[in-house]
């Protein structure tokens, strides 16, 4: 077989589908779905377990009145060279002071730490940047 893959006519492919009992028709496979008009809308990713625990801790502070709001992945900072850094949380207190929080688990990858530091240096005038680690439900600020 060549490196380019199998080359079948639509009839050969339909015969294969019929032979293997697959209900899909070759015509349905060959015709791609039309792309929607307008801008792409990115789905926000789900929080991982460490982020969920930290979010619950901060939501408790909102209920106590210590914070105004907690927002998950609100901003993406340009840090140079076409690279962007998306902060995990933004906390806002009653004085409208902003705190940008990066939460990590047990392992902190070098590239993540470098991106955090660059963003904090470049965009620190917007608010305070904090780096937290969460291990087995215990959250510790490390920067």
N, C-alpha and C. Protein backbone atom coordinates (compact mmCIF):
# COMPACT_ATOMS: atom_id res chain seq x y z
N UNK A 1 0.85 -1.18 0.00
CA UNK A 1 0.00 0.00 0.00
C UNK A 1 0.89 1.24 0.00
N UNK A 2 0.51 2.24 -0.74
CA UNK A 2 1.30 3.47 -0.82
C UNK A 2 1.12 4.28 0.46
N UNK A 3 1.98 5.25 0.64
CA UNK A 3 1.90 6.11 1.81
C UNK A 3 0.74 7.09 1.72
N UNK A 4 0.14 7.21 0.55
CA UNK A 4 -0.96 8.15 0.37
C UNK A 4 -2.29 7.58 0.82
N UNK A 5 -2.35 6.31 1.19
CA UNK A 5 -3.58 5.71 1.66
C UNK A 5 -4.33 4.99 0.56
N UNK A 6 -5.50 4.50 0.90
CA UNK A 6 -6.33 3.75 -0.02
C UNK A 6 -7.07 4.72 -0.92
N UNK A 7 -7.12 4.41 -2.21
CA UNK A 7 -7.85 5.25 -3.16
C UNK A 7 -8.98 4.42 -3.74
N UNK A 8 -10.19 4.70 -3.32
CA UNK A 8 -11.38 4.01 -3.81
C UNK A 8 -12.29 4.98 -4.53
N UNK A 9 -12.98 4.46 -5.48
CA UNK A 9 -14.04 5.24 -6.10
C UNK A 9 -15.22 5.23 -5.13
N UNK A 10 -16.17 6.14 -5.28
CA UNK A 10 -17.35 6.11 -4.40
C UNK A 10 -18.08 4.76 -4.45
N UNK A 11 -18.09 4.13 -5.63
CA UNK A 11 -18.76 2.83 -5.75
C UNK A 11 -18.02 1.76 -4.96
N UNK A 12 -16.69 1.76 -5.04
CA UNK A 12 -15.89 0.78 -4.29
C UNK A 12 -16.07 0.98 -2.79
N UNK A 13 -16.09 2.26 -2.38
CA UNK A 13 -16.26 2.54 -0.95
C UNK A 13 -17.65 2.11 -0.47
N UNK A 14 -18.68 2.37 -1.28
CA UNK A 14 -20.03 1.95 -0.92
C UNK A 14 -20.12 0.43 -0.83
N UNK A 15 -19.46 -0.27 -1.74
CA UNK A 15 -19.44 -1.74 -1.69
C UNK A 15 -18.77 -2.22 -0.40
N UNK A 16 -17.70 -1.55 0.00
CA UNK A 16 -17.03 -1.89 1.26
C UNK A 16 -17.96 -1.66 2.44
N UNK A 17 -18.67 -0.52 2.47
CA UNK A 17 -19.59 -0.23 3.56
C UNK A 17 -20.71 -1.27 3.63
N UNK A 18 -21.24 -1.65 2.45
CA UNK A 18 -22.30 -2.66 2.41
C UNK A 18 -21.78 -4.01 2.90
N UNK A 19 -20.58 -4.37 2.47
CA UNK A 19 -19.98 -5.65 2.83
C UNK A 19 -19.70 -5.75 4.33
N UNK A 20 -19.32 -4.62 4.95
CA UNK A 20 -18.99 -4.63 6.38
C UNK A 20 -20.17 -4.27 7.27
N UNK A 21 -21.34 -4.01 6.66
CA UNK A 21 -22.54 -3.76 7.44
C UNK A 21 -22.61 -2.37 8.04
N UNK A 22 -21.88 -1.43 7.50
CA UNK A 22 -21.93 -0.06 8.01
C UNK A 22 -23.03 0.70 7.27
N UNK A 23 -23.83 1.46 8.00
CA UNK A 23 -25.01 2.10 7.44
C UNK A 23 -24.68 3.38 6.67
N UNK A 24 -23.52 3.97 6.91
CA UNK A 24 -23.18 5.24 6.28
C UNK A 24 -23.00 5.07 4.78
N UNK A 25 -23.50 6.01 4.03
CA UNK A 25 -23.32 5.96 2.58
C UNK A 25 -22.09 6.75 2.18
N UNK A 26 -21.53 6.35 1.06
CA UNK A 26 -20.35 7.06 0.56
C UNK A 26 -20.69 8.50 0.24
N UNK A 27 -21.91 8.76 -0.23
CA UNK A 27 -22.31 10.13 -0.57
C UNK A 27 -22.30 11.02 0.66
N UNK A 28 -22.73 10.46 1.81
CA UNK A 28 -22.75 11.25 3.04
C UNK A 28 -21.34 11.56 3.51
N UNK A 29 -20.41 10.63 3.31
CA UNK A 29 -19.02 10.85 3.71
C UNK A 29 -18.37 11.86 2.78
N UNK A 30 -18.65 11.79 1.50
CA UNK A 30 -17.98 12.64 0.52
C UNK A 30 -18.40 14.10 0.63
N UNK A 31 -19.63 14.36 1.06
CA UNK A 31 -20.11 15.74 1.12
C UNK A 31 -19.86 16.32 2.51
N UNK A 32 -18.88 17.22 2.63
CA UNK A 32 -18.61 17.81 3.94
C UNK A 32 -19.71 18.79 4.35
N UNK A 33 -19.86 18.96 5.65
CA UNK A 33 -20.84 19.91 6.17
C UNK A 33 -20.39 21.33 5.82
N UNK A 34 -21.33 22.19 5.41
CA UNK A 34 -20.93 23.57 5.12
C UNK A 34 -20.51 24.27 6.42
N UNK A 35 -19.50 25.14 6.31
CA UNK A 35 -19.02 25.87 7.47
C UNK A 35 -19.99 26.99 7.80
N UNK A 36 -20.24 27.22 9.09
CA UNK A 36 -21.15 28.31 9.45
C UNK A 36 -20.52 29.67 9.16
N UNK A 37 -21.37 30.62 8.84
CA UNK A 37 -20.88 31.98 8.59
C UNK A 37 -20.59 32.65 9.93
N UNK A 38 -19.73 33.63 9.90
CA UNK A 38 -19.46 34.41 11.10
C UNK A 38 -18.21 33.94 11.81
N UNK A 39 -17.88 34.61 12.93
CA UNK A 39 -16.66 34.30 13.66
C UNK A 39 -16.75 32.96 14.38
N UNK A 40 -15.58 32.39 14.64
CA UNK A 40 -15.51 31.15 15.40
C UNK A 40 -15.80 31.45 16.86
N UNK A 41 -16.59 30.60 17.46
CA UNK A 41 -16.86 30.75 18.88
C UNK A 41 -16.15 29.60 19.59
N UNK A 42 -15.22 29.94 20.43
CA UNK A 42 -14.47 28.92 21.15
C UNK A 42 -15.23 28.50 22.39
N UNK A 43 -15.30 27.20 22.59
CA UNK A 43 -15.93 26.70 23.80
C UNK A 43 -14.93 26.83 24.95
N UNK A 44 -15.43 27.27 26.09
CA UNK A 44 -14.57 27.35 27.26
C UNK A 44 -14.33 25.94 27.76
N UNK A 45 -13.10 25.63 28.08
CA UNK A 45 -12.81 24.28 28.54
C UNK A 45 -13.32 24.07 29.95
N UNK A 46 -13.51 22.82 30.31
CA UNK A 46 -13.97 22.46 31.65
C UNK A 46 -12.84 22.63 32.66
N UNK A 47 -13.20 22.96 33.88
CA UNK A 47 -12.21 23.05 34.94
C UNK A 47 -11.74 21.65 35.32
N UNK A 48 -10.44 21.53 35.61
CA UNK A 48 -9.95 20.26 36.14
C UNK A 48 -10.25 20.21 37.64
N UNK A 49 -9.93 19.11 38.29
CA UNK A 49 -10.28 18.93 39.70
C UNK A 49 -9.60 19.97 40.60
N UNK A 50 -8.36 20.29 40.31
CA UNK A 50 -7.63 21.29 41.12
C UNK A 50 -8.29 22.65 40.98
N UNK A 51 -8.65 23.02 39.76
CA UNK A 51 -9.31 24.31 39.53
C UNK A 51 -10.69 24.35 40.17
N UNK A 52 -11.43 23.25 40.11
CA UNK A 52 -12.76 23.20 40.73
C UNK A 52 -12.67 23.44 42.23
N UNK A 53 -11.72 22.79 42.87
CA UNK A 53 -11.55 22.97 44.32
C UNK A 53 -11.20 24.41 44.67
N UNK A 54 -10.29 25.01 43.91
CA UNK A 54 -9.91 26.40 44.15
C UNK A 54 -11.09 27.31 43.91
N UNK A 55 -11.86 27.05 42.85
CA UNK A 55 -13.04 27.85 42.54
C UNK A 55 -14.05 27.79 43.68
N UNK A 56 -14.29 26.62 44.23
CA UNK A 56 -15.21 26.48 45.36
C UNK A 56 -14.74 27.28 46.56
N UNK A 57 -13.43 27.26 46.81
CA UNK A 57 -12.86 28.02 47.93
C UNK A 57 -13.09 29.52 47.73
N UNK A 58 -12.91 30.01 46.49
CA UNK A 58 -13.10 31.43 46.22
C UNK A 58 -14.58 31.82 46.21
N UNK A 59 -15.44 30.92 45.75
CA UNK A 59 -16.89 31.19 45.78
C UNK A 59 -17.37 31.33 47.22
N UNK A 60 -16.78 30.57 48.14
CA UNK A 60 -17.13 30.71 49.56
C UNK A 60 -16.75 32.11 50.05
N UNK A 61 -15.63 32.64 49.57
CA UNK A 61 -15.22 34.01 49.93
C UNK A 61 -16.20 35.04 49.36
N UNK A 62 -16.75 34.77 48.17
CA UNK A 62 -17.74 35.67 47.58
C UNK A 62 -19.00 35.66 48.45
N UNK A 63 -19.43 34.48 48.87
CA UNK A 63 -20.64 34.38 49.72
C UNK A 63 -20.44 35.08 51.07
N UNK A 64 -19.21 35.07 51.60
CA UNK A 64 -18.92 35.75 52.86
C UNK A 64 -18.80 37.26 52.67
N UNK A 65 -18.71 37.71 51.42
CA UNK A 65 -18.58 39.14 51.16
C UNK A 65 -17.15 39.62 51.07
N UNK A 66 -16.17 38.72 51.08
CA UNK A 66 -14.77 39.11 50.99
C UNK A 66 -14.37 39.51 49.57
N UNK A 67 -15.02 38.91 48.57
CA UNK A 67 -14.75 39.21 47.16
C UNK A 67 -16.05 39.57 46.47
N UNK A 68 -15.94 40.34 45.38
CA UNK A 68 -17.12 40.64 44.57
C UNK A 68 -17.40 39.52 43.58
N UNK A 69 -16.34 39.03 42.92
CA UNK A 69 -16.57 37.98 41.93
C UNK A 69 -15.31 37.17 41.66
N UNK A 70 -15.55 35.97 41.14
CA UNK A 70 -14.50 35.06 40.70
C UNK A 70 -14.87 34.66 39.28
N UNK A 71 -13.95 34.87 38.33
CA UNK A 71 -14.23 34.56 36.93
C UNK A 71 -13.18 33.56 36.45
N UNK A 72 -13.66 32.48 35.80
CA UNK A 72 -12.78 31.44 35.29
C UNK A 72 -12.31 31.77 33.87
N UNK A 73 -11.00 31.70 33.65
CA UNK A 73 -10.36 31.96 32.36
C UNK A 73 -10.93 33.19 31.64
N UNK A 74 -10.84 34.36 32.28
CA UNK A 74 -11.45 35.56 31.70
C UNK A 74 -10.62 36.23 30.61
N UNK A 75 -9.29 36.12 30.69
CA UNK A 75 -8.42 36.88 29.80
C UNK A 75 -7.31 36.03 29.24
N UNK A 76 -6.86 36.44 28.07
CA UNK A 76 -5.70 35.82 27.44
C UNK A 76 -4.71 36.95 27.18
N UNK A 77 -3.54 36.86 27.80
CA UNK A 77 -2.53 37.91 27.70
C UNK A 77 -1.53 37.59 26.59
N UNK A 78 -1.23 38.56 25.73
CA UNK A 78 -0.17 38.40 24.74
C UNK A 78 1.15 38.55 25.46
N UNK A 79 2.04 37.56 25.31
CA UNK A 79 3.32 37.63 26.02
C UNK A 79 4.50 37.70 25.07
N UNK A 80 4.24 37.81 23.77
CA UNK A 80 5.31 37.98 22.80
C UNK A 80 5.50 36.76 21.92
N UNK A 81 5.98 37.01 20.72
CA UNK A 81 6.27 35.95 19.77
C UNK A 81 5.04 35.17 19.33
N UNK A 82 3.88 35.81 19.38
CA UNK A 82 2.65 35.13 19.00
C UNK A 82 2.11 34.19 20.06
N UNK A 83 2.73 34.17 21.23
CA UNK A 83 2.31 33.29 22.32
C UNK A 83 1.37 34.04 23.25
N UNK A 84 0.34 33.35 23.71
CA UNK A 84 -0.63 33.93 24.63
C UNK A 84 -0.66 33.10 25.91
N UNK A 85 -1.01 33.77 27.00
CA UNK A 85 -1.12 33.12 28.30
C UNK A 85 -2.53 33.38 28.83
N UNK A 86 -3.27 32.31 29.08
CA UNK A 86 -4.63 32.43 29.61
C UNK A 86 -4.58 32.16 31.11
N UNK A 87 -4.94 33.16 31.88
CA UNK A 87 -4.94 33.05 33.33
C UNK A 87 -6.13 32.19 33.77
N UNK A 88 -5.94 31.39 34.85
CA UNK A 88 -7.02 30.50 35.29
C UNK A 88 -8.19 31.26 35.91
N UNK A 89 -7.90 32.20 36.80
CA UNK A 89 -8.97 32.92 37.49
C UNK A 89 -8.64 34.40 37.61
N UNK A 90 -9.69 35.20 37.66
CA UNK A 90 -9.56 36.61 38.00
C UNK A 90 -10.47 36.84 39.19
N UNK A 91 -9.90 37.38 40.25
CA UNK A 91 -10.66 37.71 41.46
C UNK A 91 -10.78 39.23 41.52
N UNK A 92 -11.96 39.71 41.92
CA UNK A 92 -12.16 41.17 42.05
C UNK A 92 -12.72 41.44 43.43
N UNK A 93 -12.06 42.35 44.16
CA UNK A 93 -12.55 42.67 45.50
C UNK A 93 -13.41 43.93 45.46
N UNK A 94 -13.83 44.40 46.64
CA UNK A 94 -14.75 45.53 46.72
C UNK A 94 -14.12 46.87 46.32
N UNK A 95 -12.78 46.92 46.28
CA UNK A 95 -12.08 48.12 45.82
C UNK A 95 -11.76 48.04 44.33
N UNK A 96 -12.33 47.06 43.64
CA UNK A 96 -12.07 46.78 42.23
C UNK A 96 -10.62 46.42 41.95
N UNK A 97 -9.91 45.96 42.98
CA UNK A 97 -8.55 45.46 42.82
C UNK A 97 -8.65 44.09 42.16
N UNK A 98 -7.82 43.85 41.14
CA UNK A 98 -7.84 42.58 40.42
C UNK A 98 -6.67 41.71 40.85
N UNK A 99 -6.94 40.42 40.98
CA UNK A 99 -5.91 39.43 41.26
C UNK A 99 -6.06 38.34 40.21
N UNK A 100 -4.98 38.07 39.48
CA UNK A 100 -4.97 37.04 38.45
C UNK A 100 -4.28 35.81 39.03
N UNK A 101 -4.99 34.69 39.03
CA UNK A 101 -4.50 33.50 39.72
C UNK A 101 -4.25 32.37 38.72
N UNK A 102 -3.07 31.80 38.81
CA UNK A 102 -2.74 30.58 38.07
C UNK A 102 -2.68 29.46 39.12
N UNK A 103 -3.45 28.40 38.89
CA UNK A 103 -3.51 27.29 39.84
C UNK A 103 -2.91 26.06 39.17
N UNK A 104 -2.01 25.41 39.86
CA UNK A 104 -1.35 24.21 39.34
C UNK A 104 -1.49 23.07 40.33
N UNK A 105 -1.34 21.87 39.83
CA UNK A 105 -1.36 20.68 40.68
C UNK A 105 0.04 20.39 41.21
N UNK A 106 0.33 19.12 41.36
CA UNK A 106 1.62 18.70 41.92
C UNK A 106 2.79 19.08 41.02
N UNK A 107 2.62 18.94 39.70
CA UNK A 107 3.70 19.20 38.75
C UNK A 107 3.51 20.55 38.08
N UNK A 108 4.54 21.38 38.13
CA UNK A 108 4.51 22.66 37.44
C UNK A 108 5.54 22.58 36.32
N UNK A 109 5.06 22.60 35.08
CA UNK A 109 5.94 22.50 33.93
C UNK A 109 6.70 23.80 33.74
N UNK A 110 7.93 23.69 33.28
CA UNK A 110 8.79 24.87 33.09
C UNK A 110 8.14 25.88 32.16
N UNK A 111 7.56 25.43 31.04
CA UNK A 111 6.97 26.37 30.10
C UNK A 111 5.80 27.14 30.73
N UNK A 112 5.04 26.49 31.61
CA UNK A 112 3.94 27.17 32.29
C UNK A 112 4.46 28.24 33.24
N UNK A 113 5.53 27.92 33.95
CA UNK A 113 6.12 28.88 34.89
C UNK A 113 6.71 30.08 34.14
N UNK A 114 7.36 29.81 33.02
CA UNK A 114 7.94 30.90 32.22
C UNK A 114 6.83 31.81 31.70
N UNK A 115 5.75 31.24 31.18
CA UNK A 115 4.64 32.05 30.67
C UNK A 115 4.01 32.88 31.78
N UNK A 116 3.84 32.28 32.94
CA UNK A 116 3.29 33.00 34.09
C UNK A 116 4.18 34.20 34.44
N UNK A 117 5.49 33.96 34.53
CA UNK A 117 6.42 35.03 34.92
C UNK A 117 6.44 36.16 33.89
N UNK A 118 6.42 35.81 32.61
CA UNK A 118 6.42 36.84 31.56
C UNK A 118 5.14 37.67 31.64
N UNK A 119 4.01 37.00 31.79
CA UNK A 119 2.73 37.71 31.89
C UNK A 119 2.71 38.62 33.12
N UNK A 120 3.22 38.13 34.25
CA UNK A 120 3.24 38.93 35.47
C UNK A 120 4.13 40.16 35.31
N UNK A 121 5.28 40.00 34.64
CA UNK A 121 6.18 41.13 34.41
C UNK A 121 5.57 42.14 33.44
N UNK A 122 4.98 41.64 32.37
CA UNK A 122 4.47 42.52 31.31
C UNK A 122 3.14 43.16 31.67
N UNK A 123 2.27 42.42 32.35
CA UNK A 123 0.91 42.89 32.61
C UNK A 123 0.62 43.13 34.09
N UNK A 124 1.64 43.14 34.91
CA UNK A 124 1.46 43.31 36.35
C UNK A 124 0.81 44.62 36.76
N UNK A 125 0.87 45.61 35.90
CA UNK A 125 0.24 46.90 36.22
C UNK A 125 -1.28 46.80 36.27
N UNK A 126 -1.85 45.74 35.66
CA UNK A 126 -3.31 45.56 35.70
C UNK A 126 -3.80 45.07 37.06
N UNK A 127 -2.97 44.32 37.73
CA UNK A 127 -3.34 43.75 39.02
C UNK A 127 -2.26 42.79 39.49
N UNK A 128 -2.52 42.19 40.61
CA UNK A 128 -1.55 41.26 41.20
C UNK A 128 -1.67 39.89 40.55
N UNK A 129 -0.52 39.28 40.25
CA UNK A 129 -0.49 37.92 39.72
C UNK A 129 -0.07 36.97 40.85
N UNK A 130 -0.79 35.88 40.99
CA UNK A 130 -0.49 34.90 42.03
C UNK A 130 -0.41 33.51 41.41
N UNK A 131 0.51 32.70 41.93
CA UNK A 131 0.64 31.31 41.52
C UNK A 131 0.36 30.44 42.73
N UNK A 132 -0.62 29.55 42.58
CA UNK A 132 -1.04 28.66 43.66
C UNK A 132 -0.85 27.22 43.23
N UNK A 133 -0.66 26.36 44.20
CA UNK A 133 -0.63 24.93 43.95
C UNK A 133 -1.71 24.27 44.80
N UNK A 134 -2.35 23.27 44.23
CA UNK A 134 -3.38 22.54 44.96
C UNK A 134 -3.08 21.06 44.93
N UNK A 135 -2.82 20.48 46.10
CA UNK A 135 -2.50 19.06 46.20
C UNK A 135 -3.39 18.45 47.26
N UNK A 136 -4.21 17.50 46.83
CA UNK A 136 -5.12 16.77 47.73
C UNK A 136 -5.99 17.72 48.55
N UNK A 137 -6.53 18.74 47.91
CA UNK A 137 -7.46 19.65 48.57
C UNK A 137 -6.82 20.74 49.40
N UNK A 138 -5.49 20.80 49.45
CA UNK A 138 -4.79 21.84 50.19
C UNK A 138 -4.19 22.81 49.18
N UNK A 139 -4.55 24.08 49.31
CA UNK A 139 -4.11 25.11 48.36
C UNK A 139 -3.11 26.03 49.03
N UNK A 140 -1.98 26.22 48.35
CA UNK A 140 -0.88 27.02 48.89
C UNK A 140 -0.41 28.01 47.85
N UNK A 141 -0.28 29.26 48.26
CA UNK A 141 0.27 30.27 47.35
C UNK A 141 1.78 30.13 47.35
N UNK A 142 2.36 30.02 46.14
CA UNK A 142 3.81 29.86 46.05
C UNK A 142 4.51 31.05 45.41
N UNK A 143 3.77 31.98 44.83
CA UNK A 143 4.34 33.22 44.26
C UNK A 143 3.34 34.34 44.41
